[in-house]
Amino acid sequence: MSAGSEPDTRLFTGPRGGRISTAVLRDATHWDDVIIRLGYEHLRRHDLRHTGLTWFADAGVPVHVLRRIAGHGSLMTTQRYLHPDVHKITAAGAVLSAHLSAVRAPRSLPSPIVITR
């Protein structure tokens, strides 16, 4: 494999090639200034991790793949990051209702065959 193609290779690296520290990320993105200007002082960068993983899940990415993306050791940790919205929950209920209606629906019987002489 060529450099950068390893599954654990970082997409972004810090100034010295390693992990990007919280301070470097905060300074590089002007995070504090941006969230204050937007009126989201309560927003933490880590919240975006929850949002991103939830969006991946909503797009159909399996949880075992999300675990690898997030670098979590267990699926339970990854599941704590997922926050489906009310529309996704309502849609799941509608899918189940449609399935149960189809299962319970009486099967239509063929028309009786009438033999005339």
N, C-alpha and C. Protein backbone atom coordinates (compact mmCIF):
# COMPACT_ATOMS: atom_id res chain seq x y z
N MET A 1 0.83 -1.18 0.00
CA MET A 1 0.00 0.00 0.00
C MET A 1 0.87 1.24 0.00
N SER A 2 0.39 2.27 -0.65
CA SER A 2 1.16 3.51 -0.67
C SER A 2 0.89 4.31 0.61
N ALA A 3 1.77 5.26 0.88
CA ALA A 3 1.60 6.09 2.07
C ALA A 3 0.26 6.80 2.00
N GLY A 4 -0.42 6.84 3.14
CA GLY A 4 -1.71 7.51 3.20
C GLY A 4 -2.88 6.61 2.87
N SER A 5 -2.63 5.37 2.46
CA SER A 5 -3.74 4.50 2.11
C SER A 5 -4.06 3.49 3.20
N GLU A 6 -3.31 3.53 4.29
CA GLU A 6 -3.59 2.65 5.42
C GLU A 6 -4.93 3.06 6.03
N PRO A 7 -5.74 2.12 6.52
CA PRO A 7 -7.04 2.48 7.10
C PRO A 7 -6.94 3.40 8.30
N ASP A 8 -5.84 3.35 9.05
CA ASP A 8 -5.72 4.18 10.23
C ASP A 8 -4.94 5.46 9.99
N THR A 9 -4.59 5.75 8.74
CA THR A 9 -3.88 6.98 8.42
C THR A 9 -4.80 8.16 8.67
N ARG A 10 -4.27 9.19 9.28
CA ARG A 10 -5.08 10.38 9.59
C ARG A 10 -5.32 11.22 8.33
N LEU A 11 -6.53 11.69 8.22
CA LEU A 11 -6.88 12.58 7.12
C LEU A 11 -6.22 13.94 7.33
N PHE A 12 -6.22 14.40 8.56
CA PHE A 12 -5.61 15.67 8.91
C PHE A 12 -4.60 15.41 10.02
N THR A 13 -3.49 16.10 9.96
CA THR A 13 -2.48 15.96 11.00
C THR A 13 -2.14 17.33 11.57
N GLY A 14 -1.57 17.30 12.76
CA GLY A 14 -1.16 18.53 13.42
C GLY A 14 0.10 19.10 12.78
N PRO A 15 0.57 20.22 13.30
CA PRO A 15 1.74 20.90 12.72
C PRO A 15 2.99 20.02 12.67
N ARG A 16 3.11 19.07 13.58
CA ARG A 16 4.28 18.18 13.59
C ARG A 16 3.97 16.79 13.07
N GLY A 17 2.82 16.63 12.40
CA GLY A 17 2.48 15.36 11.77
C GLY A 17 1.68 14.40 12.63
N GLY A 18 1.46 14.69 13.88
CA GLY A 18 0.70 13.80 14.77
C GLY A 18 -0.75 14.22 14.87
N ARG A 19 -1.34 13.85 15.99
CA ARG A 19 -2.74 14.23 16.25
C ARG A 19 -2.87 15.75 16.29
N ILE A 20 -4.04 16.20 15.92
CA ILE A 20 -4.34 17.63 16.04
C ILE A 20 -4.84 17.85 17.45
N SER A 21 -4.17 18.71 18.18
CA SER A 21 -4.59 18.98 19.56
C SER A 21 -5.84 19.86 19.55
N THR A 22 -6.54 19.84 20.66
CA THR A 22 -7.73 20.67 20.81
C THR A 22 -7.39 22.14 20.63
N ALA A 23 -6.29 22.56 21.22
CA ALA A 23 -5.90 23.97 21.13
C ALA A 23 -5.60 24.38 19.69
N VAL A 24 -4.88 23.53 18.95
CA VAL A 24 -4.55 23.84 17.55
C VAL A 24 -5.84 23.93 16.73
N LEU A 25 -6.75 23.00 16.93
CA LEU A 25 -8.01 22.99 16.19
C LEU A 25 -8.83 24.23 16.53
N ARG A 26 -8.92 24.55 17.79
CA ARG A 26 -9.69 25.72 18.21
C ARG A 26 -9.13 26.99 17.59
N ASP A 27 -7.81 27.13 17.63
CA ASP A 27 -7.18 28.33 17.08
C ASP A 27 -7.29 28.39 15.56
N ALA A 28 -7.09 27.26 14.91
CA ALA A 28 -7.11 27.23 13.43
C ALA A 28 -8.50 27.53 12.88
N THR A 29 -9.54 27.15 13.59
CA THR A 29 -10.91 27.36 13.11
C THR A 29 -11.55 28.63 13.67
N HIS A 30 -10.84 29.30 14.59
CA HIS A 30 -11.40 30.48 15.25
C HIS A 30 -12.74 30.13 15.89
N TRP A 31 -12.79 28.93 16.46
CA TRP A 31 -14.03 28.35 16.99
C TRP A 31 -14.75 29.31 17.94
N ASP A 32 -14.05 29.81 18.92
CA ASP A 32 -14.69 30.66 19.93
C ASP A 32 -15.34 31.89 19.30
N ASP A 33 -14.66 32.52 18.37
CA ASP A 33 -15.20 33.70 17.71
C ASP A 33 -16.42 33.36 16.86
N VAL A 34 -16.33 32.26 16.13
CA VAL A 34 -17.41 31.86 15.22
C VAL A 34 -18.68 31.55 16.00
N ILE A 35 -18.58 30.74 17.05
CA ILE A 35 -19.81 30.36 17.76
C ILE A 35 -20.44 31.54 18.49
N ILE A 36 -19.62 32.47 18.94
CA ILE A 36 -20.17 33.67 19.58
C ILE A 36 -20.91 34.52 18.56
N ARG A 37 -20.30 34.71 17.37
CA ARG A 37 -20.97 35.49 16.31
C ARG A 37 -22.28 34.84 15.86
N LEU A 38 -22.33 33.50 15.87
CA LEU A 38 -23.53 32.79 15.45
C LEU A 38 -24.57 32.68 16.57
N GLY A 39 -24.15 33.00 17.80
CA GLY A 39 -25.07 32.91 18.93
C GLY A 39 -25.21 31.50 19.48
N TYR A 40 -24.20 30.67 19.28
CA TYR A 40 -24.22 29.28 19.77
C TYR A 40 -23.15 29.05 20.83
N GLU A 41 -23.08 29.92 21.80
CA GLU A 41 -22.04 29.82 22.82
C GLU A 41 -22.02 28.47 23.52
N HIS A 42 -23.17 27.81 23.58
CA HIS A 42 -23.28 26.51 24.26
C HIS A 42 -22.71 25.35 23.42
N LEU A 43 -22.48 25.57 22.14
CA LEU A 43 -22.04 24.50 21.24
C LEU A 43 -20.58 24.14 21.48
N ARG A 44 -20.34 22.84 21.62
CA ARG A 44 -18.96 22.36 21.77
C ARG A 44 -18.57 21.63 20.48
N ARG A 45 -17.29 21.64 20.16
CA ARG A 45 -16.84 20.93 18.96
C ARG A 45 -17.22 19.46 19.02
N HIS A 46 -17.19 18.89 20.22
CA HIS A 46 -17.51 17.48 20.37
C HIS A 46 -18.96 17.19 19.96
N ASP A 47 -19.85 18.18 20.08
CA ASP A 47 -21.23 18.01 19.65
C ASP A 47 -21.31 17.69 18.16
N LEU A 48 -20.36 18.23 17.41
CA LEU A 48 -20.33 17.99 15.97
C LEU A 48 -20.00 16.53 15.67
N ARG A 49 -19.26 15.89 16.55
CA ARG A 49 -18.95 14.46 16.41
C ARG A 49 -20.25 13.65 16.53
N HIS A 50 -21.08 14.01 17.51
CA HIS A 50 -22.37 13.35 17.67
C HIS A 50 -23.24 13.56 16.42
N THR A 51 -23.27 14.80 15.95
CA THR A 51 -24.08 15.12 14.76
C THR A 51 -23.59 14.35 13.54
N GLY A 52 -22.29 14.36 13.32
CA GLY A 52 -21.74 13.65 12.15
C GLY A 52 -22.04 12.16 12.18
N LEU A 53 -21.85 11.52 13.33
CA LEU A 53 -22.13 10.09 13.42
C LEU A 53 -23.62 9.80 13.25
N THR A 54 -24.47 10.68 13.78
CA THR A 54 -25.92 10.51 13.59
C THR A 54 -26.29 10.63 12.12
N TRP A 55 -25.71 11.60 11.42
CA TRP A 55 -25.99 11.75 9.99
C TRP A 55 -25.52 10.53 9.20
N PHE A 56 -24.35 10.00 9.55
CA PHE A 56 -23.88 8.77 8.90
C PHE A 56 -24.90 7.65 9.11
N ALA A 57 -25.36 7.49 10.35
CA ALA A 57 -26.33 6.43 10.66
C ALA A 57 -27.63 6.65 9.90
N ASP A 58 -28.11 7.89 9.85
CA ASP A 58 -29.34 8.19 9.12
C ASP A 58 -29.20 7.90 7.63
N ALA A 59 -27.97 7.99 7.13
CA ALA A 59 -27.71 7.69 5.71
C ALA A 59 -27.60 6.19 5.46
N GLY A 60 -27.66 5.39 6.53
CA GLY A 60 -27.63 3.94 6.36
C GLY A 60 -26.29 3.28 6.62
N VAL A 61 -25.31 4.01 7.12
CA VAL A 61 -24.00 3.41 7.42
C VAL A 61 -24.18 2.51 8.63
N PRO A 62 -23.78 1.24 8.54
CA PRO A 62 -23.95 0.31 9.67
C PRO A 62 -23.15 0.74 10.90
N VAL A 63 -23.68 0.43 12.07
CA VAL A 63 -23.07 0.87 13.32
C VAL A 63 -21.66 0.31 13.50
N HIS A 64 -21.39 -0.89 12.98
CA HIS A 64 -20.03 -1.43 13.14
C HIS A 64 -19.02 -0.62 12.30
N VAL A 65 -19.47 -0.02 11.22
CA VAL A 65 -18.60 0.85 10.42
C VAL A 65 -18.44 2.19 11.14
N LEU A 66 -19.52 2.70 11.72
CA LEU A 66 -19.43 3.95 12.48
C LEU A 66 -18.45 3.81 13.65
N ARG A 67 -18.44 2.63 14.27
CA ARG A 67 -17.51 2.39 15.38
C ARG A 67 -16.08 2.60 14.91
N ARG A 68 -15.76 2.08 13.74
CA ARG A 68 -14.40 2.24 13.19
C ARG A 68 -14.11 3.69 12.84
N ILE A 69 -15.08 4.36 12.23
CA ILE A 69 -14.90 5.77 11.86
C ILE A 69 -14.62 6.60 13.11
N ALA A 70 -15.37 6.34 14.18
CA ALA A 70 -15.23 7.12 15.41
C ALA A 70 -14.02 6.70 16.23
N GLY A 71 -13.50 5.50 15.96
CA GLY A 71 -12.37 5.00 16.73
C GLY A 71 -12.76 4.49 18.10
N HIS A 72 -14.03 4.10 18.24
CA HIS A 72 -14.51 3.59 19.52
C HIS A 72 -14.11 2.13 19.70
N GLY A 73 -13.95 1.73 20.94
CA GLY A 73 -13.62 0.35 21.26
C GLY A 73 -14.83 -0.56 21.29
N SER A 74 -16.01 0.00 21.50
CA SER A 74 -17.20 -0.85 21.59
C SER A 74 -18.37 -0.21 20.84
N LEU A 75 -19.29 -1.07 20.41
CA LEU A 75 -20.50 -0.59 19.74
C LEU A 75 -21.37 0.21 20.70
N MET A 76 -21.34 -0.15 21.98
CA MET A 76 -22.16 0.57 22.95
C MET A 76 -21.75 2.05 23.03
N THR A 77 -20.47 2.31 22.96
CA THR A 77 -20.01 3.70 22.97
C THR A 77 -20.53 4.43 21.73
N THR A 78 -20.40 3.79 20.58
CA THR A 78 -20.87 4.41 19.34
C THR A 78 -22.36 4.68 19.41
N GLN A 79 -23.13 3.74 19.93
CA GLN A 79 -24.58 3.92 20.00
C GLN A 79 -24.97 5.11 20.86
N ARG A 80 -24.16 5.44 21.87
CA ARG A 80 -24.45 6.61 22.70
C ARG A 80 -24.28 7.91 21.93
N TYR A 81 -23.60 7.86 20.80
CA TYR A 81 -23.39 9.05 19.98
C TYR A 81 -24.54 9.29 19.01
N LEU A 82 -25.40 8.32 18.82
CA LEU A 82 -26.45 8.42 17.81
C LEU A 82 -27.73 8.98 18.41
N HIS A 83 -28.25 10.01 17.77
CA HIS A 83 -29.44 10.70 18.27
C HIS A 83 -30.45 10.90 17.13
N PRO A 84 -31.22 9.86 16.80
CA PRO A 84 -32.19 10.03 15.72
C PRO A 84 -33.23 11.09 16.08
N ASP A 85 -33.63 11.87 15.08
CA ASP A 85 -34.63 12.90 15.36
C ASP A 85 -36.03 12.29 15.33
N VAL A 86 -37.00 13.07 15.73
CA VAL A 86 -38.37 12.58 15.85
C VAL A 86 -38.91 12.10 14.50
N HIS A 87 -38.47 12.70 13.40
CA HIS A 87 -38.95 12.29 12.08
C HIS A 87 -38.47 10.88 11.74
N LYS A 88 -37.24 10.56 12.10
CA LYS A 88 -36.71 9.22 11.84
C LYS A 88 -37.45 8.19 12.69
N ILE A 89 -37.77 8.55 13.92
CA ILE A 89 -38.48 7.64 14.82
C ILE A 89 -39.91 7.42 14.31
N THR A 90 -40.56 8.50 13.89
CA THR A 90 -41.92 8.40 13.34
C THR A 90 -41.92 7.57 12.06
N ALA A 91 -40.93 7.78 11.20
CA ALA A 91 -40.84 7.02 9.95
C ALA A 91 -40.64 5.53 10.24
N ALA A 92 -39.84 5.21 11.24
CA ALA A 92 -39.62 3.80 11.60
C ALA A 92 -40.93 3.17 12.07
N GLY A 93 -41.72 3.91 12.83
CA GLY A 93 -43.02 3.41 13.28
C GLY A 93 -43.97 3.19 12.10
N ALA A 94 -43.94 4.07 11.12
CA ALA A 94 -44.80 3.93 9.94
C ALA A 94 -44.41 2.69 9.13
N VAL A 95 -43.10 2.43 9.02
CA VAL A 95 -42.63 1.24 8.30
C VAL A 95 -43.12 -0.02 9.00
N LEU A 96 -43.01 -0.05 10.33
CA LEU A 96 -43.47 -1.21 11.08
C LEU A 96 -44.99 -1.38 10.95
N SER A 97 -45.73 -0.30 11.04
CA SER A 97 -47.19 -0.37 10.88
C SER A 97 -47.58 -0.92 9.52
N ALA A 98 -46.92 -0.45 8.47
CA ALA A 98 -47.22 -0.95 7.12
C ALA A 98 -46.90 -2.44 7.02
N HIS A 99 -45.79 -2.84 7.61
CA HIS A 99 -45.40 -4.27 7.58
C HIS A 99 -46.44 -5.11 8.32
N LEU A 100 -46.84 -4.68 9.50
CA LEU A 100 -47.81 -5.46 10.27
C LEU A 100 -49.16 -5.49 9.59
N SER A 101 -49.55 -4.42 8.94
CA SER A 101 -50.82 -4.40 8.20
C SER A 101 -50.78 -5.40 7.05
N ALA A 102 -49.67 -5.47 6.37
CA ALA A 102 -49.54 -6.41 5.24
C ALA A 102 -49.55 -7.85 5.74
N VAL A 103 -48.95 -8.10 6.88
CA VAL A 103 -48.90 -9.46 7.42
C VAL A 103 -50.27 -9.90 7.89
N ARG A 104 -51.01 -9.00 8.50
CA ARG A 104 -52.33 -9.33 9.04
C ARG A 104 -53.44 -9.32 7.99
N ALA A 105 -53.22 -8.67 6.86
CA ALA A 105 -54.27 -8.54 5.85
C ALA A 105 -54.66 -9.92 5.34
N PRO A 106 -55.95 -10.18 5.27
CA PRO A 106 -56.37 -11.49 4.74
C PRO A 106 -55.99 -11.60 3.27
N ARG A 107 -55.57 -12.76 2.94
CA ARG A 107 -55.21 -12.99 1.54
C ARG A 107 -56.50 -13.12 0.74
N SER A 108 -56.52 -12.53 -0.42
CA SER A 108 -57.71 -12.63 -1.23
C SER A 108 -57.78 -14.04 -1.81
N LEU A 109 -58.95 -14.61 -1.74
CA LEU A 109 -59.16 -15.96 -2.26
C LEU A 109 -59.52 -15.88 -3.73
N PRO A 110 -59.10 -16.87 -4.48
CA PRO A 110 -59.48 -16.85 -5.90
C PRO A 110 -60.98 -17.02 -6.03
N SER A 111 -61.52 -16.50 -7.10
CA SER A 111 -62.95 -16.64 -7.34
C SER A 111 -63.29 -18.12 -7.48
N PRO A 112 -64.45 -18.51 -6.96
CA PRO A 112 -64.82 -19.92 -7.09
C PRO A 112 -65.01 -20.30 -8.55
N ILE A 113 -64.68 -21.51 -8.84
CA ILE A 113 -64.86 -22.02 -10.21
C ILE A 113 -66.24 -22.64 -10.29
N VAL A 114 -66.99 -22.17 -11.24
CA VAL A 114 -68.34 -22.69 -11.43
C VAL A 114 -68.33 -23.57 -12.66
N ILE A 115 -68.76 -24.80 -12.48
CA ILE A 115 -68.84 -25.74 -13.62
C ILE A 115 -70.28 -25.85 -14.04
N THR A 116 -70.56 -25.57 -15.28
CA THR A 116 -71.92 -25.68 -15.79
C THR A 116 -71.95 -26.82 -16.78
N ARG A 117 -73.11 -27.51 -16.82
CA ARG A 117 -73.26 -28.63 -17.76
C ARG A 117 -74.21 -28.31 -18.84
